[in-house]
Amino acid sequence: DVSTTDGYKVRMFCIGFTHKRNNQIKKTSYAQHAQVVNIRAKMVEIMTREVSGGDLRELVNKLLPDSIAKDIEKSCQGIYPLHDVHIRKIKVLKKPKFDINKL
């Protein structure tokens, strides 16, 4: 749960899939639990940093080219190679109070 600078509180959901190594024969590729925990922590850190730095309009502009997901994918390569990383859903938990007097 992250708050934007203009008062919106949003919850972001991210998904990423592990990637096979080039010389791997095995069909499946699973990350160990500690790696999953580290990847999840890195995802939360990046999403929090990107959202809390701007307003809702900037967040939407970052989501359209999927730049947050690309940033997550690049930073998690050292932990375990990922592919198809996406922000799959965003819930608006709290909207700011709209003040008619400001108009």
Foldseek 3Di string as FASTA:
>chain_A
DEAAPQGWDKDWDKDWAFDDDPPDDDPDDDADPVLVVVLVVLLVVLVRVQRHVHHPVSVVVCQVVQVSQVVSQVVSVVSGHIPPMHGDDMDGPDDDDDDPVVD
